[in-house]
Amino acid sequence: MNEAVTFDEADWRQLTGHDKKALRTLARVSIDFEPLAKASGVGQKSMDALIAKDLTVEGAPSLHGRTFKITKKGWLAVEWLQGRRTRVYPES
């Protein structure tokens, strides 16, 4: 069975300002795996930090470079950024 994905106060406190900015930008341009070049203003260092916090994952390289996708936990963080404190990702 799939375990529920959660995001809580401790996760929120670990996010830096750069993490929050990168997530906001990615949420506007990302549906699936997208090249980093599509997220103007987000650098590789920010993506590495988000990967380390399980908020994004890296996909197969494309013609335009490395690709990334927001994880379920990352989408919960985006919800928090938008003022909705969803704590558990609905199971699918």
C-alpha atoms as a PDB file:
ATOM      1  CA  MET A   1       0.000   0.000   0.000  1.00  0.00           C
ATOM      2  CA  ASN A   2       1.014   3.594  -0.535  1.00  0.00           C
ATOM      3  CA  GLU A   3       1.969   5.578   2.520  1.00  0.00           C
ATOM      4  CA  ALA A   4       0.325   8.953   2.920  1.00  0.00           C
ATOM      5  CA  VAL A   5       2.538  11.897   1.998  1.00  0.00           C
ATOM      6  CA  THR A   6       2.589  14.576   4.690  1.00  0.00           C
ATOM      7  CA  PHE A   7       3.830  18.126   5.157  1.00  0.00           C
ATOM      8  CA  ASP A   8       3.771  19.745   8.602  1.00  0.00           C
ATOM      9  CA  GLU A   9       5.066  22.645  10.708  1.00  0.00           C
ATOM     10  CA  ALA A  10       8.552  21.099  10.989  1.00  0.00           C
ATOM     11  CA  ASP A  11       8.775  20.817   7.188  1.00  0.00           C
ATOM     12  CA  TRP A  12       7.543  24.398   6.845  1.00  0.00           C
ATOM     13  CA  ARG A  13      10.215  25.723   9.221  1.00  0.00           C
ATOM     14  CA  GLN A  14      12.939  24.008   7.161  1.00  0.00           C
ATOM     15  CA  LEU A  15      12.013  25.940   4.017  1.00  0.00           C
ATOM     16  CA  THR A  16      14.242  28.922   3.254  1.00  0.00           C
ATOM     17  CA  GLY A  17      13.156  32.011   1.376  1.00  0.00           C
ATOM     18  CA  HIS A  18      14.953  30.666  -1.696  1.00  0.00           C
ATOM     19  CA  ASP A  19      13.071  27.355  -1.389  1.00  0.00           C
ATOM     20  CA  LYS A  20       9.731  29.175  -1.228  1.00  0.00           C
ATOM     21  CA  LYS A  21      10.559  31.368  -4.226  1.00  0.00           C
ATOM     22  CA  ALA A  22      11.694  28.363  -6.269  1.00  0.00           C
ATOM     23  CA  LEU A  23       8.539  26.390  -5.405  1.00  0.00           C
ATOM     24  CA  ARG A  24       6.280  29.310  -6.366  1.00  0.00           C
ATOM     25  CA  THR A  25       8.060  29.634  -9.703  1.00  0.00           C
ATOM     26  CA  LEU A  26       8.009  25.904 -10.406  1.00  0.00           C
ATOM     27  CA  ALA A  27       4.322  25.640  -9.532  1.00  0.00           C
ATOM     28  CA  ARG A  28       3.522  28.185 -12.263  1.00  0.00           C
ATOM     29  CA  VAL A  29       5.422  26.365 -15.021  1.00  0.00           C
ATOM     30  CA  SER A  30       5.447  22.716 -13.974  1.00  0.00           C
ATOM     31  CA  ILE A  31       2.877  20.032 -14.608  1.00  0.00           C
ATOM     32  CA  ASP A  32       5.212  17.155 -15.287  1.00  0.00           C
ATOM     33  CA  PHE A  33       8.969  16.952 -15.811  1.00  0.00           C
ATOM     34  CA  GLU A  34      10.106  20.324 -17.129  1.00  0.00           C
ATOM     35  CA  PRO A  35      13.569  21.658 -17.994  1.00  0.00           C
ATOM     36  CA  LEU A  36      15.051  24.010 -15.421  1.00  0.00           C
ATOM     37  CA  ALA A  37      15.376  26.665 -18.140  1.00  0.00           C
ATOM     38  CA  LYS A  38      11.584  26.990 -18.106  1.00  0.00           C
ATOM     39  CA  ALA A  39      11.673  28.204 -14.477  1.00  0.00           C
ATOM     40  CA  SER A  40      13.274  31.610 -14.930  1.00  0.00           C
ATOM     41  CA  GLY A  41      15.107  32.708 -11.796  1.00  0.00           C
ATOM     42  CA  VAL A  42      15.500  29.220 -10.327  1.00  0.00           C
ATOM     43  CA  GLY A  43      19.043  27.870 -10.267  1.00  0.00           C
ATOM     44  CA  GLN A  44      20.608  24.475  -9.895  1.00  0.00           C
ATOM     45  CA  LYS A  45      21.514  25.149  -6.258  1.00  0.00           C
ATOM     46  CA  SER A  46      17.849  25.792  -5.421  1.00  0.00           C
ATOM     47  CA  MET A  47      16.799  22.616  -7.217  1.00  0.00           C
ATOM     48  CA  ASP A  48      19.390  20.573  -5.329  1.00  0.00           C
ATOM     49  CA  ALA A  49      18.041  21.964  -2.037  1.00  0.00           C
ATOM     50  CA  LEU A  50      14.463  21.060  -3.017  1.00  0.00           C
ATOM     51  CA  ILE A  51      15.538  17.555  -4.038  1.00  0.00           C
ATOM     52  CA  ALA A  52      17.268  17.100  -0.665  1.00  0.00           C
ATOM     53  CA  LYS A  53      13.982  18.024   1.062  1.00  0.00           C
ATOM     54  CA  ASP A  54      11.978  15.607  -1.149  1.00  0.00           C
ATOM     55  CA  LEU A  55      10.025  18.481  -2.710  1.00  0.00           C
ATOM     56  CA  THR A  56      11.200  17.839  -6.278  1.00  0.00           C
ATOM     57  CA  VAL A  57      12.687  14.940  -8.236  1.00  0.00           C
ATOM     58  CA  GLU A  58      14.961  14.903 -11.239  1.00  0.00           C
ATOM     59  CA  GLY A  59      13.890  13.223 -14.462  1.00  0.00           C
ATOM     60  CA  ALA A  60      15.661  12.171 -17.604  1.00  0.00           C
ATOM     61  CA  PRO A  61      17.691  14.883 -19.318  1.00  0.00           C
ATOM     62  CA  SER A  62      16.029  16.549 -22.278  1.00  0.00           C
ATOM     63  CA  LEU A  63      17.262  18.519 -25.234  1.00  0.00           C
ATOM     64  CA  HIS A  64      17.135  21.611 -23.001  1.00  0.00           C
ATOM     65  CA  GLY A  65      19.020  20.113 -20.038  1.00  0.00           C
ATOM     66  CA  ARG A  66      18.071  18.530 -16.747  1.00  0.00           C
ATOM     67  CA  THR A  67      14.367  18.127 -15.995  1.00  0.00           C
ATOM     68  CA  PHE A  68      12.511  18.346 -12.690  1.00  0.00           C
ATOM     69  CA  LYS A  69       9.051  17.701 -11.292  1.00  0.00           C
ATOM     70  CA  ILE A  70       7.381  18.748  -8.040  1.00  0.00           C
ATOM     71  CA  THR A  71       6.643  15.762  -5.780  1.00  0.00           C
ATOM     72  CA  LYS A  72       3.422  15.194  -3.842  1.00  0.00           C
ATOM     73  CA  LYS A  73       5.163  16.588  -0.758  1.00  0.00           C
ATOM     74  CA  GLY A  74       6.257  19.551  -2.869  1.00  0.00           C
ATOM     75  CA  TRP A  75       2.666  20.213  -3.923  1.00  0.00           C
ATOM     76  CA  LEU A  76       1.674  20.215  -0.261  1.00  0.00           C
ATOM     77  CA  ALA A  77       4.378  22.842   0.352  1.00  0.00           C
ATOM     78  CA  VAL A  78       2.903  24.891  -2.516  1.00  0.00           C
ATOM     79  CA  GLU A  79      -0.498  24.647  -0.793  1.00  0.00           C
ATOM     80  CA  TRP A  80       1.087  26.081   2.373  1.00  0.00           C
ATOM     81  CA  LEU A  81       2.643  28.891   0.329  1.00  0.00           C
ATOM     82  CA  GLN A  82      -0.819  29.729  -0.967  1.00  0.00           C
ATOM     83  CA  GLY A  83      -2.247  29.856   2.557  1.00  0.00           C
ATOM     84  CA  ARG A  84      -3.932  26.450   2.574  1.00  0.00           C
ATOM     85  CA  ARG A  85      -2.469  24.274   5.321  1.00  0.00           C
ATOM     86  CA  THR A  86      -3.164  20.877   3.767  1.00  0.00           C
ATOM     87  CA  ARG A  87      -1.172  18.312   5.765  1.00  0.00           C
ATOM     88  CA  VAL A  88      -1.791  15.036   3.933  1.00  0.00           C
ATOM     89  CA  TYR A  89      -1.760  14.395   0.195  1.00  0.00           C
ATOM     90  CA  PRO A  90      -4.921  12.525  -0.851  1.00  0.00           C
ATOM     91  CA  GLU A  91      -4.134   8.906  -1.618  1.00  0.00           C
ATOM     92  CA  SER A  92      -4.650   7.831  -5.198  1.00  0.00           C
END
